[in-house]
Structure formats: structure tokens, C-alpha cells
């Protein structure tokens, strides 16, 4: 691959990330808006159905290889946790302002790091501890001001559930036949 091809791939990646960011922000804003009249279960159901229709052509084109794995139980568990995470996220959106729920969701890497240390044997070094403390202080700041205990518990549970998915992806990737998408 020459430098020009790499540049094109980089631009494509940047475009996909930009579109993805706008799509996620739009889904979150719409979910917050409609949660006044529609139950979070219904929001998650329709969000999931749209995802199936969007991803089905890609999965069929790749002859279902993204779904093949020797660790089916882990893949199913990850899917269930992802579903629970989405449901908890939209419940939190129905209880609290969008900005606060989004801010707390930025703490997912903190939970994922702690879980990776505990369950995957990741090294615990001074820089990682410092990053966890600073990140926790920044991500928790919007919640310290005004949020009800139910909202905090719901959003924290959502963040913890989504964080469990990150180490599970790492476990799935240890299997050379397992492929996964982190979307």
C-alpha cells in the first residue's frame, strides 16, 4: 500500500467516525425527546431493529463471518449486556438531562480499565491510577451538582454494563476465528 492509498483510507475512516458521531448524538437526542411519551423498552427495540436493517447487508455480504465464533456463550453474554446497557441508558435519559447522562457515559473507559485489571490481569501502574483518578473526577463532576439517586444508579449501572463489554471483546479477539464489532 502506498502513502496515497493510506491517506484515502484515513480520510474514509475520519468520515465514518464523523458520521457515526453525528448518528449517535442524534439517536441520543431523539431518544431523550421521545422518552416523555414512549417507554425506554420501545425505544431500544426500534433502535435495535434499525441497527439490524443497517448491518444486515454487511453481514450477508461477508457470509456471516462477523457472527462466527468458538465462544458463542461469551458473544451472547456480550449481546445481552449491550442490550441491558442500551436499556439503562434510555431509562437514564428519561430521568435526567441529556448532557448529564452523556457526561457520565464518558466514565465507561474508567470502569473498563478497572475490570481489565481485575479480570484480564492488566498491569496496574502509577500512570494508570492517576488517569483513573483524574478521569473519575472529571466524569463525575456534572453529577455532583444535581442528580437524583435513581438517575445516578441507573446511569452508573448502564456505564458498568457497557464497560463489561470492552474486556469481553478482548477475550473474543484472543480467539483467531472470533470477530466482533464494538459498535
N, C-alpha and C. Protein backbone atom coordinates (compact mmCIF):
# COMPACT_ATOMS: atom_id res chain seq x y z
N UNK A 1 0.85 -1.17 0.00
CA UNK A 1 0.00 0.00 0.00
C UNK A 1 0.89 1.23 0.00
N UNK A 2 0.63 2.14 -0.90
CA UNK A 2 1.43 3.36 -0.96
C UNK A 2 0.82 4.44 -0.05
N UNK A 3 1.52 5.55 0.09
CA UNK A 3 1.09 6.61 1.01
C UNK A 3 -0.25 7.21 0.59
N UNK A 4 -0.48 7.29 -0.71
CA UNK A 4 -1.73 7.89 -1.18
C UNK A 4 -2.94 7.03 -0.79
N UNK A 5 -2.81 5.70 -0.94
CA UNK A 5 -3.90 4.80 -0.55
C UNK A 5 -4.16 4.89 0.95
N UNK A 6 -3.10 4.96 1.74
CA UNK A 6 -3.25 5.09 3.19
C UNK A 6 -3.97 6.37 3.56
N UNK A 7 -3.67 7.46 2.83
CA UNK A 7 -4.34 8.72 3.08
C UNK A 7 -5.82 8.65 2.77
N UNK A 8 -6.17 7.94 1.70
CA UNK A 8 -7.58 7.77 1.35
C UNK A 8 -8.30 6.97 2.42
N UNK A 9 -7.66 5.91 2.91
CA UNK A 9 -8.26 5.11 3.99
C UNK A 9 -8.43 5.93 5.26
N UNK A 10 -7.45 6.78 5.53
CA UNK A 10 -7.54 7.63 6.71
C UNK A 10 -8.72 8.60 6.58
N UNK A 11 -8.87 9.19 5.41
CA UNK A 11 -9.98 10.11 5.18
C UNK A 11 -11.32 9.38 5.28
N UNK A 12 -11.39 8.17 4.74
CA UNK A 12 -12.62 7.39 4.86
C UNK A 12 -12.93 7.10 6.33
N UNK A 13 -11.91 6.72 7.07
CA UNK A 13 -12.09 6.44 8.50
C UNK A 13 -12.57 7.68 9.25
N UNK A 14 -11.99 8.82 8.92
CA UNK A 14 -12.41 10.06 9.57
C UNK A 14 -13.85 10.40 9.22
N UNK A 15 -14.23 10.17 7.96
CA UNK A 15 -15.61 10.45 7.54
C UNK A 15 -16.57 9.52 8.27
N UNK A 16 -16.23 8.23 8.35
CA UNK A 16 -17.09 7.28 9.06
C UNK A 16 -17.23 7.65 10.54
N UNK A 17 -16.14 8.08 11.17
CA UNK A 17 -16.20 8.48 12.57
C UNK A 17 -17.07 9.72 12.73
N UNK A 18 -16.96 10.67 11.81
CA UNK A 18 -17.79 11.87 11.89
C UNK A 18 -19.27 11.54 11.74
N UNK A 19 -19.60 10.70 10.75
CA UNK A 19 -20.99 10.30 10.55
C UNK A 19 -21.49 9.51 11.75
N UNK A 20 -20.66 8.63 12.27
CA UNK A 20 -21.04 7.83 13.44
C UNK A 20 -21.31 8.71 14.66
N UNK A 21 -20.45 9.69 14.87
CA UNK A 21 -20.64 10.61 15.99
C UNK A 21 -21.95 11.37 15.88
N UNK A 22 -22.24 11.86 14.67
CA UNK A 22 -23.49 12.58 14.47
C UNK A 22 -24.70 11.66 14.64
N UNK A 23 -24.57 10.41 14.18
CA UNK A 23 -25.69 9.46 14.31
C UNK A 23 -25.95 9.14 15.78
N UNK A 24 -24.90 8.89 16.54
CA UNK A 24 -25.08 8.57 17.97
C UNK A 24 -25.68 9.76 18.70
N UNK A 25 -25.16 10.95 18.44
CA UNK A 25 -25.70 12.15 19.10
C UNK A 25 -27.16 12.35 18.73
N UNK A 26 -27.50 12.12 17.47
CA UNK A 26 -28.89 12.28 17.04
C UNK A 26 -29.80 11.26 17.70
N UNK A 27 -29.37 10.00 17.75
CA UNK A 27 -30.18 8.95 18.39
C UNK A 27 -30.38 9.27 19.86
N UNK A 28 -29.33 9.73 20.53
CA UNK A 28 -29.46 10.07 21.95
C UNK A 28 -30.43 11.24 22.16
N UNK A 29 -30.30 12.26 21.33
CA UNK A 29 -31.19 13.42 21.47
C UNK A 29 -32.64 13.04 21.16
N UNK A 30 -32.85 12.26 20.12
CA UNK A 30 -34.21 11.82 19.78
C UNK A 30 -34.76 10.92 20.88
N UNK A 31 -33.91 10.02 21.39
CA UNK A 31 -34.34 9.15 22.49
C UNK A 31 -34.75 9.93 23.72
N UNK A 32 -33.99 10.96 24.04
CA UNK A 32 -34.34 11.81 25.19
C UNK A 32 -35.67 12.52 24.94
N UNK A 33 -35.85 13.02 23.74
CA UNK A 33 -37.06 13.76 23.39
C UNK A 33 -38.31 12.87 23.43
N UNK A 34 -38.22 11.68 22.85
CA UNK A 34 -39.40 10.82 22.77
C UNK A 34 -39.64 10.02 24.04
N UNK A 35 -38.68 10.01 24.96
CA UNK A 35 -38.85 9.22 26.20
C UNK A 35 -39.97 9.77 27.08
N UNK A 36 -40.43 10.97 26.77
CA UNK A 36 -41.56 11.54 27.50
C UNK A 36 -42.83 10.75 27.22
N UNK A 37 -42.98 10.28 25.97
CA UNK A 37 -44.19 9.58 25.56
C UNK A 37 -44.01 8.10 25.28
N UNK A 38 -42.78 7.67 25.01
CA UNK A 38 -42.52 6.28 24.65
C UNK A 38 -41.63 5.64 25.71
N UNK A 39 -41.96 4.42 26.11
CA UNK A 39 -41.20 3.70 27.13
C UNK A 39 -39.81 3.34 26.59
N UNK A 40 -38.78 3.37 27.46
CA UNK A 40 -37.43 3.03 27.02
C UNK A 40 -37.31 1.66 26.35
N UNK A 41 -38.13 0.67 26.76
CA UNK A 41 -38.10 -0.64 26.10
C UNK A 41 -38.41 -0.50 24.61
N UNK A 42 -39.41 0.31 24.29
CA UNK A 42 -39.78 0.51 22.88
C UNK A 42 -38.69 1.26 22.13
N UNK A 43 -38.10 2.24 22.76
CA UNK A 43 -37.02 2.99 22.11
C UNK A 43 -35.87 2.06 21.77
N UNK A 44 -35.47 1.23 22.73
CA UNK A 44 -34.36 0.29 22.49
C UNK A 44 -34.74 -0.72 21.42
N UNK A 45 -35.97 -1.20 21.43
CA UNK A 45 -36.40 -2.16 20.42
C UNK A 45 -36.26 -1.57 19.02
N UNK A 46 -36.80 -0.38 18.82
CA UNK A 46 -36.73 0.21 17.47
C UNK A 46 -35.31 0.60 17.10
N UNK A 47 -34.53 1.03 18.05
CA UNK A 47 -33.12 1.33 17.78
C UNK A 47 -32.40 0.06 17.33
N UNK A 48 -32.67 -1.04 18.00
CA UNK A 48 -32.04 -2.31 17.64
C UNK A 48 -32.51 -2.80 16.28
N UNK A 49 -33.79 -2.65 15.99
CA UNK A 49 -34.30 -3.09 14.69
C UNK A 49 -33.68 -2.28 13.56
N UNK A 50 -33.52 -0.99 13.75
CA UNK A 50 -32.87 -0.17 12.73
C UNK A 50 -31.44 -0.62 12.54
N UNK A 51 -30.75 -0.93 13.63
CA UNK A 51 -29.37 -1.42 13.54
C UNK A 51 -29.30 -2.73 12.76
N UNK A 52 -30.26 -3.63 12.99
CA UNK A 52 -30.28 -4.89 12.26
C UNK A 52 -30.42 -4.63 10.76
N UNK A 53 -31.34 -3.75 10.38
CA UNK A 53 -31.54 -3.46 8.97
C UNK A 53 -30.32 -2.78 8.34
N UNK A 54 -29.62 -1.96 9.10
CA UNK A 54 -28.43 -1.29 8.58
C UNK A 54 -27.27 -2.28 8.44
N UNK A 55 -27.10 -3.17 9.42
CA UNK A 55 -25.96 -4.09 9.41
C UNK A 55 -26.19 -5.37 8.62
N UNK A 56 -27.44 -5.73 8.36
CA UNK A 56 -27.74 -6.99 7.65
C UNK A 56 -27.04 -7.10 6.30
N UNK A 57 -27.05 -6.07 5.46
CA UNK A 57 -26.35 -6.22 4.18
C UNK A 57 -24.85 -6.48 4.34
N UNK A 58 -24.23 -5.85 5.32
CA UNK A 58 -22.80 -6.06 5.56
C UNK A 58 -22.54 -7.49 6.02
N UNK A 59 -23.35 -7.98 6.92
CA UNK A 59 -23.18 -9.33 7.44
C UNK A 59 -23.43 -10.36 6.36
N UNK A 60 -24.45 -10.17 5.55
CA UNK A 60 -24.75 -11.11 4.46
C UNK A 60 -23.64 -11.07 3.41
N UNK A 61 -23.16 -9.87 3.08
CA UNK A 61 -22.08 -9.74 2.09
C UNK A 61 -20.82 -10.46 2.56
N UNK A 62 -20.57 -10.46 3.85
CA UNK A 62 -19.39 -11.15 4.40
C UNK A 62 -19.68 -12.60 4.78
N UNK A 63 -20.79 -13.12 4.31
CA UNK A 63 -21.19 -14.51 4.51
C UNK A 63 -21.23 -14.90 5.98
N UNK A 64 -21.74 -14.01 6.82
CA UNK A 64 -21.97 -14.23 8.24
C UNK A 64 -20.69 -14.45 9.04
N UNK A 65 -19.52 -14.18 8.48
CA UNK A 65 -18.28 -14.35 9.25
C UNK A 65 -18.20 -13.45 10.48
N UNK A 66 -18.79 -12.24 10.49
CA UNK A 66 -18.73 -11.47 11.74
C UNK A 66 -19.44 -12.13 12.91
N UNK A 67 -20.30 -13.10 12.63
CA UNK A 67 -21.05 -13.76 13.70
C UNK A 67 -20.47 -15.13 14.09
N UNK A 68 -19.45 -15.58 13.38
CA UNK A 68 -18.86 -16.89 13.68
C UNK A 68 -17.86 -16.77 14.81
N UNK A 69 -17.98 -17.67 15.76
CA UNK A 69 -17.06 -17.69 16.89
C UNK A 69 -17.10 -19.05 17.56
N UNK A 70 -16.03 -19.37 18.23
CA UNK A 70 -15.99 -20.59 19.05
C UNK A 70 -16.50 -20.31 20.45
N UNK A 71 -16.66 -19.05 20.77
CA UNK A 71 -17.11 -18.63 22.10
C UNK A 71 -18.50 -18.02 22.02
N UNK A 72 -19.44 -18.83 21.62
CA UNK A 72 -20.80 -18.35 21.43
C UNK A 72 -21.41 -17.83 22.72
N UNK A 73 -21.14 -18.51 23.84
CA UNK A 73 -21.71 -18.07 25.12
C UNK A 73 -21.22 -16.67 25.47
N UNK A 74 -19.94 -16.40 25.24
CA UNK A 74 -19.39 -15.07 25.53
C UNK A 74 -20.00 -14.02 24.60
N UNK A 75 -20.19 -14.38 23.34
CA UNK A 75 -20.79 -13.45 22.39
C UNK A 75 -22.24 -13.15 22.76
N UNK A 76 -22.98 -14.16 23.18
CA UNK A 76 -24.38 -13.97 23.60
C UNK A 76 -24.42 -13.13 24.88
N UNK A 77 -23.53 -13.42 25.82
CA UNK A 77 -23.49 -12.65 27.07
C UNK A 77 -23.17 -11.19 26.78
N UNK A 78 -22.24 -10.96 25.85
CA UNK A 78 -21.91 -9.58 25.49
C UNK A 78 -23.11 -8.89 24.86
N UNK A 79 -23.85 -9.60 24.01
CA UNK A 79 -25.04 -9.02 23.40
C UNK A 79 -26.10 -8.68 24.42
N UNK A 80 -26.29 -9.57 25.40
CA UNK A 80 -27.28 -9.29 26.46
C UNK A 80 -26.86 -8.10 27.31
N UNK A 81 -25.57 -8.01 27.64
CA UNK A 81 -25.08 -6.86 28.40
C UNK A 81 -25.21 -5.57 27.60
N UNK A 82 -24.94 -5.65 26.31
CA UNK A 82 -25.10 -4.48 25.46
C UNK A 82 -26.56 -4.03 25.42
N UNK A 83 -27.48 -5.00 25.34
CA UNK A 83 -28.91 -4.67 25.36
C UNK A 83 -29.32 -4.04 26.68
N UNK A 84 -28.82 -4.62 27.79
CA UNK A 84 -29.12 -4.06 29.11
C UNK A 84 -28.53 -2.65 29.24
N UNK A 85 -27.35 -2.47 28.70
CA UNK A 85 -26.71 -1.16 28.74
C UNK A 85 -27.53 -0.13 27.97
N UNK A 86 -28.01 -0.50 26.79
CA UNK A 86 -28.84 0.42 26.00
C UNK A 86 -30.13 0.76 26.73
N UNK A 87 -30.75 -0.25 27.32
CA UNK A 87 -32.00 -0.01 28.05
C UNK A 87 -31.76 0.92 29.23
N UNK A 88 -30.73 0.66 30.00
CA UNK A 88 -30.42 1.52 31.15
C UNK A 88 -30.09 2.95 30.70
N UNK A 89 -29.41 3.07 29.56
CA UNK A 89 -29.07 4.39 29.05
C UNK A 89 -30.34 5.19 28.74
N UNK A 90 -31.29 4.57 28.08
CA UNK A 90 -32.51 5.29 27.73
C UNK A 90 -33.41 5.52 28.94
N UNK A 91 -33.34 4.63 29.93
CA UNK A 91 -34.05 4.90 31.19
C UNK A 91 -33.44 6.13 31.86
N UNK A 92 -32.10 6.18 31.90
CA UNK A 92 -31.43 7.34 32.49
C UNK A 92 -31.77 8.61 31.71
N UNK A 93 -31.85 8.51 30.37
CA UNK A 93 -32.22 9.68 29.57
C UNK A 93 -33.63 10.17 29.89
N UNK A 94 -34.52 9.24 30.24
CA UNK A 94 -35.89 9.65 30.56
C UNK A 94 -35.97 10.31 31.93
N UNK A 95 -34.95 10.11 32.77
CA UNK A 95 -34.97 10.64 34.13
C UNK A 95 -34.13 11.90 34.32
N UNK A 96 -33.23 12.18 33.39
CA UNK A 96 -32.26 13.24 33.61
C UNK A 96 -31.94 13.94 32.30
N UNK A 97 -31.34 15.13 32.36
CA UNK A 97 -30.96 15.85 31.14
C UNK A 97 -29.94 15.07 30.32
N UNK A 98 -30.02 15.23 29.02
CA UNK A 98 -29.15 14.53 28.08
C UNK A 98 -27.67 14.79 28.37
N UNK A 99 -27.32 16.02 28.68
CA UNK A 99 -25.92 16.37 28.92
C UNK A 99 -25.34 15.61 30.11
N UNK A 100 -26.11 15.46 31.17
CA UNK A 100 -25.60 14.76 32.35
C UNK A 100 -25.42 13.27 32.10
N UNK A 101 -26.37 12.66 31.40
CA UNK A 101 -26.26 11.23 31.11
C UNK A 101 -25.08 10.99 30.17
N UNK A 102 -24.92 11.85 29.19
CA UNK A 102 -23.80 11.72 28.26
C UNK A 102 -22.47 11.90 28.99
N UNK A 103 -22.41 12.86 29.89
CA UNK A 103 -21.18 13.09 30.65
C UNK A 103 -20.81 11.86 31.48
N UNK A 104 -21.80 11.24 32.11
CA UNK A 104 -21.50 10.05 32.89
C UNK A 104 -21.09 8.88 32.00
N UNK A 105 -21.63 8.82 30.80
CA UNK A 105 -21.25 7.72 29.91
C UNK A 105 -19.78 7.79 29.51
N UNK A 106 -19.18 8.96 29.64
CA UNK A 106 -17.75 9.09 29.36
C UNK A 106 -16.90 8.38 30.41
N UNK A 107 -17.51 7.95 31.50
CA UNK A 107 -16.75 7.22 32.51
C UNK A 107 -16.65 5.74 32.20
N UNK A 108 -17.25 5.27 31.12
CA UNK A 108 -17.18 3.85 30.74
C UNK A 108 -15.74 3.35 30.61
N UNK A 109 -14.82 4.11 30.01
CA UNK A 109 -13.44 3.62 29.96
C UNK A 109 -12.81 3.43 31.35
N UNK A 110 -13.26 4.21 32.32
CA UNK A 110 -12.74 4.05 33.68
C UNK A 110 -13.17 2.69 34.25
N UNK A 111 -14.47 2.37 34.10
CA UNK A 111 -14.96 1.08 34.54
C UNK A 111 -14.26 -0.05 33.79
N UNK A 112 -14.10 0.12 32.48
CA UNK A 112 -13.47 -0.91 31.65
C UNK A 112 -12.03 -1.15 32.09
N UNK A 113 -11.33 -0.09 32.45
CA UNK A 113 -9.95 -0.23 32.91
C UNK A 113 -9.89 -1.01 34.21
N UNK A 114 -10.76 -0.69 35.14
CA UNK A 114 -10.79 -1.42 36.42
C UNK A 114 -11.12 -2.89 36.19
N UNK A 115 -12.10 -3.16 35.34
CA UNK A 115 -12.47 -4.54 35.05
C UNK A 115 -11.34 -5.29 34.33
N UNK A 116 -10.63 -4.61 33.44
CA UNK A 116 -9.49 -5.25 32.75
C UNK A 116 -8.38 -5.59 33.74
N UNK A 117 -8.18 -4.73 34.72
CA UNK A 117 -7.18 -5.00 35.75
C UNK A 117 -7.60 -6.21 36.58
N UNK A 118 -8.87 -6.25 36.97
CA UNK A 118 -9.36 -7.32 37.83
C UNK A 118 -9.47 -8.67 37.12
N UNK A 119 -9.98 -8.68 35.89
CA UNK A 119 -10.31 -9.94 35.24
C UNK A 119 -9.36 -10.36 34.13
N UNK A 120 -8.62 -9.44 33.56
CA UNK A 120 -7.72 -9.79 32.47
C UNK A 120 -6.25 -9.69 32.85
N UNK A 121 -5.99 -9.31 34.09
CA UNK A 121 -4.61 -9.24 34.55
C UNK A 121 -3.81 -8.09 33.98
N UNK A 122 -4.47 -7.01 33.58
CA UNK A 122 -3.75 -5.84 33.10
C UNK A 122 -2.90 -5.26 34.23
N UNK A 123 -1.77 -4.68 33.85
CA UNK A 123 -0.85 -4.13 34.85
C UNK A 123 -1.43 -2.85 35.47
N UNK A 124 -1.22 -2.71 36.77
CA UNK A 124 -1.66 -1.51 37.49
C UNK A 124 -0.42 -0.69 37.80
N UNK A 125 -0.29 0.43 37.09
CA UNK A 125 0.88 1.30 37.26
C UNK A 125 0.42 2.67 37.73
N UNK A 126 1.38 3.47 38.15
CA UNK A 126 1.09 4.79 38.71
C UNK A 126 0.35 5.66 37.69
N UNK A 127 0.78 5.65 36.44
CA UNK A 127 0.13 6.49 35.42
C UNK A 127 -1.32 6.07 35.22
N UNK A 128 -1.59 4.78 35.26
CA UNK A 128 -2.97 4.30 35.08
C UNK A 128 -3.84 4.72 36.27
N UNK A 129 -3.31 4.61 37.48
CA UNK A 129 -4.06 5.03 38.67
C UNK A 129 -4.34 6.53 38.60
N UNK A 130 -3.34 7.31 38.21
CA UNK A 130 -3.53 8.77 38.09
C UNK A 130 -4.60 9.07 37.05
N UNK A 131 -4.57 8.38 35.92
CA UNK A 131 -5.57 8.60 34.87
C UNK A 131 -6.96 8.24 35.37
N UNK A 132 -7.08 7.17 36.13
CA UNK A 132 -8.37 6.77 36.69
C UNK A 132 -8.90 7.83 37.66
N UNK A 133 -8.04 8.35 38.50
CA UNK A 133 -8.47 9.36 39.48
C UNK A 133 -8.89 10.66 38.79
N UNK A 134 -8.08 11.12 37.84
CA UNK A 134 -8.41 12.37 37.14
C UNK A 134 -9.67 12.17 36.30
N UNK A 135 -9.74 11.06 35.58
CA UNK A 135 -10.93 10.78 34.76
C UNK A 135 -12.19 10.68 35.59
N UNK A 136 -12.09 10.04 36.75
CA UNK A 136 -13.24 9.92 37.64
C UNK A 136 -13.70 11.27 38.16
N UNK A 137 -12.75 12.13 38.46
CA UNK A 137 -13.11 13.46 38.94
C UNK A 137 -13.79 14.28 37.85
N UNK A 138 -13.30 14.15 36.63
CA UNK A 138 -13.89 14.91 35.52
C UNK A 138 -15.26 14.35 35.15
N UNK A 139 -15.36 13.03 35.00
CA UNK A 139 -16.63 12.42 34.57
C UNK A 139 -17.71 12.53 35.65
N UNK A 140 -17.32 12.54 36.91
CA UNK A 140 -18.30 12.60 37.99
C UNK A 140 -18.74 14.00 38.37
N UNK A 141 -18.04 15.00 37.88
CA UNK A 141 -18.33 16.38 38.26
C UNK A 141 -19.76 16.83 37.94
N UNK A 142 -20.29 16.57 36.73
CA UNK A 142 -21.65 17.03 36.45
C UNK A 142 -22.69 16.41 37.37
N UNK A 143 -22.41 15.23 37.90
CA UNK A 143 -23.37 14.54 38.75
C UNK A 143 -23.33 15.03 40.19
N UNK A 144 -22.22 15.61 40.56
CA UNK A 144 -22.09 16.07 41.94
C UNK A 144 -23.03 17.24 42.23
N UNK A 145 -23.39 17.99 41.20
CA UNK A 145 -24.21 19.18 41.39
C UNK A 145 -25.68 18.86 41.67
N UNK A 146 -26.34 18.20 40.73
CA UNK A 146 -27.76 17.94 40.93
C UNK A 146 -28.21 16.75 40.10
N UNK A 147 -28.40 15.66 40.77
CA UNK A 147 -28.97 14.47 40.13
C UNK A 147 -29.56 13.61 41.22
N UNK A 148 -30.71 13.06 40.93
CA UNK A 148 -31.37 12.21 41.90
C UNK A 148 -30.68 10.86 42.04
N UNK A 149 -30.85 10.19 43.17
CA UNK A 149 -30.18 8.91 43.37
C UNK A 149 -30.61 7.84 42.37
N UNK A 150 -31.86 7.86 41.94
CA UNK A 150 -32.32 6.88 40.95
C UNK A 150 -31.60 7.08 39.63
N UNK A 151 -31.47 8.32 39.21
CA UNK A 151 -30.79 8.62 37.96
C UNK A 151 -29.33 8.21 38.03
N UNK A 152 -28.68 8.52 39.13
CA UNK A 152 -27.27 8.17 39.28
C UNK A 152 -27.09 6.66 39.24
N UNK A 153 -27.95 5.93 39.98
CA UNK A 153 -27.84 4.46 39.99
C UNK A 153 -28.08 3.88 38.60
N UNK A 154 -29.08 4.39 37.89
CA UNK A 154 -29.40 3.88 36.55
C UNK A 154 -28.26 4.15 35.58
N UNK A 155 -27.78 5.37 35.55
CA UNK A 155 -26.72 5.73 34.62
C UNK A 155 -25.42 5.01 34.96
N UNK A 156 -25.13 4.86 36.23
CA UNK A 156 -23.92 4.15 36.64
C UNK A 156 -24.02 2.67 36.28
N UNK A 157 -25.18 2.08 36.46
CA UNK A 157 -25.37 0.68 36.08
C UNK A 157 -25.19 0.51 34.58
N UNK A 158 -25.72 1.45 33.81
CA UNK A 158 -25.56 1.41 32.36
C UNK A 158 -24.09 1.48 31.98
N UNK A 159 -23.38 2.39 32.61
CA UNK A 159 -21.96 2.55 32.30
C UNK A 159 -21.18 1.30 32.68
N UNK A 160 -21.50 0.71 33.82
CA UNK A 160 -20.82 -0.52 34.24
C UNK A 160 -21.12 -1.66 33.27
N UNK A 161 -22.37 -1.78 32.84
CA UNK A 161 -22.74 -2.86 31.91
C UNK A 161 -22.01 -2.69 30.58
N UNK A 162 -21.95 -1.47 30.07
CA UNK A 162 -21.25 -1.27 28.81
C UNK A 162 -19.75 -1.48 28.97
N UNK A 163 -19.24 -1.21 30.16
CA UNK A 163 -17.81 -1.40 30.40
C UNK A 163 -17.43 -2.87 30.44
N UNK A 164 -18.33 -3.71 30.85
CA UNK A 164 -18.05 -5.15 30.87
C UNK A 164 -17.87 -5.66 29.44
N UNK A 165 -18.52 -5.00 28.49
CA UNK A 165 -18.41 -5.42 27.09
C UNK A 165 -16.99 -5.25 26.55
N UNK A 166 -16.27 -4.23 26.99
CA UNK A 166 -14.92 -3.98 26.47
C UNK A 166 -13.97 -5.14 26.76
N UNK A 167 -13.85 -5.61 28.01
CA UNK A 167 -12.99 -6.77 28.23
C UNK A 167 -13.50 -8.03 27.52
N UNK A 168 -14.81 -8.17 27.34
CA UNK A 168 -15.31 -9.35 26.64
C UNK A 168 -14.89 -9.32 25.18
N UNK A 169 -14.81 -8.13 24.57
CA UNK A 169 -14.32 -8.03 23.20
C UNK A 169 -12.86 -8.49 23.15
N UNK A 170 -12.09 -8.10 24.15
CA UNK A 170 -10.69 -8.51 24.20
C UNK A 170 -10.58 -10.03 24.30
N UNK A 171 -11.45 -10.64 25.10
CA UNK A 171 -11.47 -12.11 25.21
C UNK A 171 -11.87 -12.75 23.89
N UNK A 172 -12.86 -12.18 23.22
CA UNK A 172 -13.29 -12.72 21.93
C UNK A 172 -12.17 -12.61 20.89
N UNK A 173 -11.40 -11.53 20.96
CA UNK A 173 -10.32 -11.34 19.99
C UNK A 173 -9.15 -12.27 20.24
N UNK A 174 -9.03 -12.87 21.40
CA UNK A 174 -7.99 -13.84 21.65
C UNK A 174 -8.19 -15.10 20.82
N UNK A 175 -9.42 -15.33 20.41
CA UNK A 175 -9.75 -16.46 19.56
C UNK A 175 -9.59 -16.00 18.12
N UNK A 176 -8.69 -16.59 17.32
CA UNK A 176 -8.46 -16.10 15.98
C UNK A 176 -9.66 -16.18 15.06
N UNK A 177 -10.62 -17.07 15.31
CA UNK A 177 -11.80 -17.17 14.46
C UNK A 177 -12.90 -16.21 14.89
N UNK A 178 -12.79 -15.68 16.09
CA UNK A 178 -13.85 -14.79 16.58
C UNK A 178 -13.64 -13.40 16.02
N UNK A 179 -14.67 -12.84 15.49
CA UNK A 179 -14.62 -11.46 15.05
C UNK A 179 -15.73 -10.73 15.74
N UNK A 180 -15.51 -9.50 16.04
CA UNK A 180 -16.55 -8.73 16.73
C UNK A 180 -16.49 -7.29 16.31
N UNK A 181 -17.61 -6.66 16.43
CA UNK A 181 -17.72 -5.23 16.17
C UNK A 181 -18.01 -4.57 17.50
N UNK A 182 -17.38 -3.42 17.72
CA UNK A 182 -17.59 -2.74 19.01
C UNK A 182 -18.61 -1.65 18.91
N UNK A 183 -19.44 -1.69 17.93
CA UNK A 183 -20.44 -0.63 17.76
C UNK A 183 -21.53 -0.67 18.74
